Amino acid sequence: MKKLSLLAILFSLSLVACKKDRLCSCKTVIKSTGSPDLVIDNKVTLVNSSYRTAFNACVHTTQSQTTGTITTSTDVNCSLE
């Protein structure tokens, strides 16, 4: 029983130790019909988060919108550093 309790304590401590500040680097490209591409680089710090939480928050998304004859697409590509 003591060994099991010790293992449970060590396991819970290892989970707590995994939380730290993580950096998510993103590159956003906005393309619009008839105008040059707009590229935005930014970084977001995810404070006190586990790797899994940070990985799920730091994602790649694509969005497209058409208004009349103008089509605008937004591509956000993020990765953990």
N, C-alpha and C. Protein backbone atom coordinates (compact mmCIF):
# COMPACT_ATOMS: atom_id res chain seq x y z
N MET A 1 0.83 -1.19 0.00
CA MET A 1 0.00 0.00 0.00
C MET A 1 0.87 1.26 0.00
N LYS A 2 1.99 1.23 0.76
CA LYS A 2 2.87 2.38 0.82
C LYS A 2 3.52 2.64 -0.54
N LYS A 3 3.87 1.57 -1.24
CA LYS A 3 4.49 1.72 -2.55
C LYS A 3 3.50 2.35 -3.54
N LEU A 4 2.26 1.94 -3.47
CA LEU A 4 1.24 2.48 -4.35
C LEU A 4 1.01 3.96 -4.06
N SER A 5 0.98 4.34 -2.79
CA SER A 5 0.81 5.74 -2.41
C SER A 5 1.99 6.57 -2.88
N LEU A 6 3.19 6.05 -2.74
CA LEU A 6 4.38 6.76 -3.19
C LEU A 6 4.37 6.96 -4.69
N LEU A 7 3.98 5.94 -5.43
CA LEU A 7 3.90 6.06 -6.89
C LEU A 7 2.84 7.09 -7.31
N ALA A 8 1.72 7.12 -6.61
CA ALA A 8 0.67 8.08 -6.91
C ALA A 8 1.15 9.51 -6.64
N ILE A 9 1.89 9.71 -5.58
CA ILE A 9 2.43 11.04 -5.26
C ILE A 9 3.45 11.47 -6.31
N LEU A 10 4.34 10.57 -6.68
CA LEU A 10 5.34 10.91 -7.70
C LEU A 10 4.69 11.21 -9.04
N PHE A 11 3.68 10.47 -9.41
CA PHE A 11 2.98 10.71 -10.66
C PHE A 11 2.29 12.07 -10.65
N SER A 12 1.63 12.42 -9.56
CA SER A 12 0.94 13.71 -9.48
C SER A 12 1.93 14.87 -9.50
N LEU A 13 3.09 14.70 -8.89
CA LEU A 13 4.11 15.75 -8.94
C LEU A 13 4.66 15.93 -10.34
N SER A 14 4.78 14.86 -11.09
CA SER A 14 5.29 14.97 -12.46
C SER A 14 4.30 15.71 -13.35
N LEU A 15 3.01 15.56 -13.09
CA LEU A 15 2.00 16.28 -13.87
C LEU A 15 2.05 17.77 -13.58
N VAL A 16 2.26 18.14 -12.35
CA VAL A 16 2.34 19.55 -11.97
C VAL A 16 3.58 20.19 -12.56
N ALA A 17 4.67 19.47 -12.60
CA ALA A 17 5.93 20.00 -13.09
C ALA A 17 5.89 20.25 -14.60
N CYS A 18 4.97 19.64 -15.33
CA CYS A 18 4.90 19.80 -16.78
C CYS A 18 4.33 21.14 -17.20
N LYS A 19 3.68 21.84 -16.30
CA LYS A 19 3.09 23.13 -16.65
C LYS A 19 4.16 24.21 -16.63
N LYS A 20 4.22 24.96 -17.73
CA LYS A 20 5.16 26.07 -17.82
C LYS A 20 4.67 27.02 -18.90
N ASP A 21 5.34 28.14 -19.06
CA ASP A 21 5.00 29.09 -20.11
C ASP A 21 5.47 28.53 -21.44
N ARG A 22 4.59 28.54 -22.43
CA ARG A 22 4.91 28.00 -23.75
C ARG A 22 4.65 29.07 -24.80
N LEU A 23 5.45 29.07 -25.87
CA LEU A 23 5.38 30.10 -26.90
C LEU A 23 4.76 29.52 -28.16
N CYS A 24 3.72 30.18 -28.65
CA CYS A 24 3.04 29.80 -29.88
C CYS A 24 3.36 30.86 -30.93
N SER A 25 4.02 30.44 -32.01
CA SER A 25 4.41 31.35 -33.08
C SER A 25 3.44 31.19 -34.24
N CYS A 26 2.86 32.31 -34.70
CA CYS A 26 1.84 32.26 -35.76
C CYS A 26 2.23 33.15 -36.94
N LYS A 27 1.89 32.67 -38.13
CA LYS A 27 2.06 33.44 -39.36
C LYS A 27 0.69 33.51 -40.03
N THR A 28 0.18 34.73 -40.21
CA THR A 28 -1.12 34.94 -40.81
C THR A 28 -0.93 35.52 -42.20
N VAL A 29 -1.56 34.90 -43.19
CA VAL A 29 -1.50 35.39 -44.57
C VAL A 29 -2.93 35.70 -45.00
N ILE A 30 -3.16 36.97 -45.38
CA ILE A 30 -4.48 37.40 -45.84
C ILE A 30 -4.38 37.72 -47.33
N LYS A 31 -5.14 36.99 -48.12
CA LYS A 31 -5.15 37.17 -49.57
C LYS A 31 -6.52 37.72 -49.96
N SER A 32 -6.49 38.77 -50.78
CA SER A 32 -7.73 39.37 -51.24
C SER A 32 -7.62 39.62 -52.74
N THR A 33 -8.72 39.44 -53.46
CA THR A 33 -8.75 39.62 -54.90
C THR A 33 -8.37 41.06 -55.25
N GLY A 34 -7.37 41.21 -56.11
CA GLY A 34 -6.99 42.53 -56.60
C GLY A 34 -6.07 43.32 -55.71
N SER A 35 -5.55 42.74 -54.63
CA SER A 35 -4.63 43.46 -53.76
C SER A 35 -3.50 42.53 -53.33
N PRO A 36 -2.36 43.10 -52.94
CA PRO A 36 -1.23 42.25 -52.53
C PRO A 36 -1.52 41.51 -51.22
N ASP A 37 -0.81 40.40 -51.03
CA ASP A 37 -0.97 39.60 -49.81
C ASP A 37 -0.46 40.37 -48.60
N LEU A 38 -1.13 40.20 -47.49
CA LEU A 38 -0.72 40.79 -46.22
C LEU A 38 -0.24 39.66 -45.32
N VAL A 39 1.01 39.76 -44.84
CA VAL A 39 1.60 38.73 -43.99
C VAL A 39 1.88 39.32 -42.61
N ILE A 40 1.38 38.67 -41.58
CA ILE A 40 1.55 39.13 -40.19
C ILE A 40 2.17 37.99 -39.39
N ASP A 41 3.30 38.27 -38.74
CA ASP A 41 3.94 37.31 -37.84
C ASP A 41 3.72 37.77 -36.40
N ASN A 42 3.28 36.87 -35.55
CA ASN A 42 3.12 37.22 -34.14
C ASN A 42 3.38 36.00 -33.26
N LYS A 43 3.65 36.27 -32.00
CA LYS A 43 3.92 35.21 -31.03
C LYS A 43 3.01 35.43 -29.82
N VAL A 44 2.50 34.33 -29.30
CA VAL A 44 1.61 34.37 -28.15
C VAL A 44 2.20 33.48 -27.06
N THR A 45 2.30 34.00 -25.84
CA THR A 45 2.79 33.21 -24.71
C THR A 45 1.61 32.61 -23.97
N LEU A 46 1.59 31.30 -23.88
CA LEU A 46 0.56 30.59 -23.12
C LEU A 46 1.12 30.33 -21.73
N VAL A 47 0.60 31.04 -20.75
CA VAL A 47 1.15 31.04 -19.40
C VAL A 47 0.67 29.82 -18.61
N ASN A 48 1.63 29.14 -17.97
CA ASN A 48 1.36 28.03 -17.06
C ASN A 48 0.44 26.97 -17.68
N SER A 49 0.83 26.48 -18.85
CA SER A 49 0.00 25.48 -19.53
C SER A 49 0.79 24.21 -19.80
N SER A 50 0.08 23.11 -19.86
CA SER A 50 0.71 21.84 -20.19
C SER A 50 0.95 21.78 -21.69
N TYR A 51 1.73 20.81 -22.11
CA TYR A 51 2.03 20.68 -23.55
C TYR A 51 0.74 20.41 -24.33
N ARG A 52 -0.10 19.52 -23.83
CA ARG A 52 -1.34 19.18 -24.54
C ARG A 52 -2.26 20.39 -24.69
N THR A 53 -2.43 21.17 -23.63
CA THR A 53 -3.27 22.36 -23.69
C THR A 53 -2.71 23.36 -24.68
N ALA A 54 -1.40 23.58 -24.63
CA ALA A 54 -0.77 24.53 -25.56
C ALA A 54 -0.87 24.03 -26.99
N PHE A 55 -0.68 22.74 -27.21
CA PHE A 55 -0.76 22.17 -28.56
C PHE A 55 -2.16 22.35 -29.14
N ASN A 56 -3.18 22.14 -28.32
CA ASN A 56 -4.57 22.30 -28.78
C ASN A 56 -4.94 23.76 -29.02
N ALA A 57 -4.31 24.69 -28.32
CA ALA A 57 -4.60 26.10 -28.48
C ALA A 57 -3.86 26.71 -29.67
N CYS A 58 -2.75 26.14 -30.02
CA CYS A 58 -1.88 26.65 -31.07
C CYS A 58 -2.17 25.86 -32.36
N VAL A 59 -3.15 26.30 -33.15
CA VAL A 59 -3.64 25.51 -34.27
C VAL A 59 -3.51 26.23 -35.61
N HIS A 60 -3.77 25.50 -36.68
CA HIS A 60 -3.78 26.03 -38.04
C HIS A 60 -5.23 26.18 -38.47
N THR A 61 -5.61 27.38 -38.92
CA THR A 61 -6.98 27.61 -39.38
C THR A 61 -6.97 28.30 -40.74
N THR A 62 -8.01 28.04 -41.51
CA THR A 62 -8.20 28.67 -42.82
C THR A 62 -9.64 29.15 -42.90
N GLN A 63 -9.81 30.36 -43.43
CA GLN A 63 -11.15 30.93 -43.54
C GLN A 63 -11.25 31.68 -44.86
N SER A 64 -12.40 31.61 -45.51
CA SER A 64 -12.60 32.30 -46.78
C SER A 64 -13.95 33.00 -46.76
N GLN A 65 -13.99 34.20 -47.37
CA GLN A 65 -15.23 34.98 -47.39
C GLN A 65 -15.33 35.68 -48.74
N THR A 66 -16.52 35.68 -49.34
CA THR A 66 -16.76 36.36 -50.61
C THR A 66 -17.82 37.43 -50.42
N THR A 67 -17.47 38.66 -50.85
CA THR A 67 -18.40 39.78 -50.81
C THR A 67 -18.44 40.36 -52.21
N GLY A 68 -19.53 40.15 -52.92
CA GLY A 68 -19.62 40.60 -54.31
C GLY A 68 -18.61 39.86 -55.16
N THR A 69 -17.67 40.59 -55.75
CA THR A 69 -16.64 39.97 -56.59
C THR A 69 -15.30 39.83 -55.88
N ILE A 70 -15.24 40.24 -54.62
CA ILE A 70 -13.99 40.20 -53.86
C ILE A 70 -14.00 38.98 -52.93
N THR A 71 -12.97 38.15 -53.08
CA THR A 71 -12.80 36.99 -52.22
C THR A 71 -11.60 37.22 -51.32
N THR A 72 -11.80 37.05 -50.03
CA THR A 72 -10.73 37.21 -49.06
C THR A 72 -10.53 35.89 -48.33
N SER A 73 -9.27 35.43 -48.30
CA SER A 73 -8.98 34.20 -47.55
C SER A 73 -7.92 34.50 -46.50
N THR A 74 -8.11 33.92 -45.34
CA THR A 74 -7.20 34.10 -44.22
C THR A 74 -6.65 32.74 -43.81
N ASP A 75 -5.31 32.63 -43.78
CA ASP A 75 -4.66 31.38 -43.41
C ASP A 75 -3.76 31.67 -42.21
N VAL A 76 -4.08 31.06 -41.06
CA VAL A 76 -3.31 31.25 -39.85
C VAL A 76 -2.62 29.93 -39.54
N ASN A 77 -1.29 29.94 -39.60
CA ASN A 77 -0.50 28.72 -39.36
C ASN A 77 0.34 28.93 -38.10
N CYS A 78 0.01 28.20 -37.04
CA CYS A 78 0.69 28.34 -35.75
C CYS A 78 1.43 27.06 -35.38
N SER A 79 2.51 27.23 -34.63
CA SER A 79 3.25 26.07 -34.13
C SER A 79 3.90 26.42 -32.79
N LEU A 80 4.09 25.41 -31.96
CA LEU A 80 4.75 25.60 -30.67
C LEU A 80 6.25 25.69 -30.87
N GLU A 81 6.86 26.57 -30.13
CA GLU A 81 8.33 26.69 -30.19
C GLU A 81 8.94 26.06 -28.97
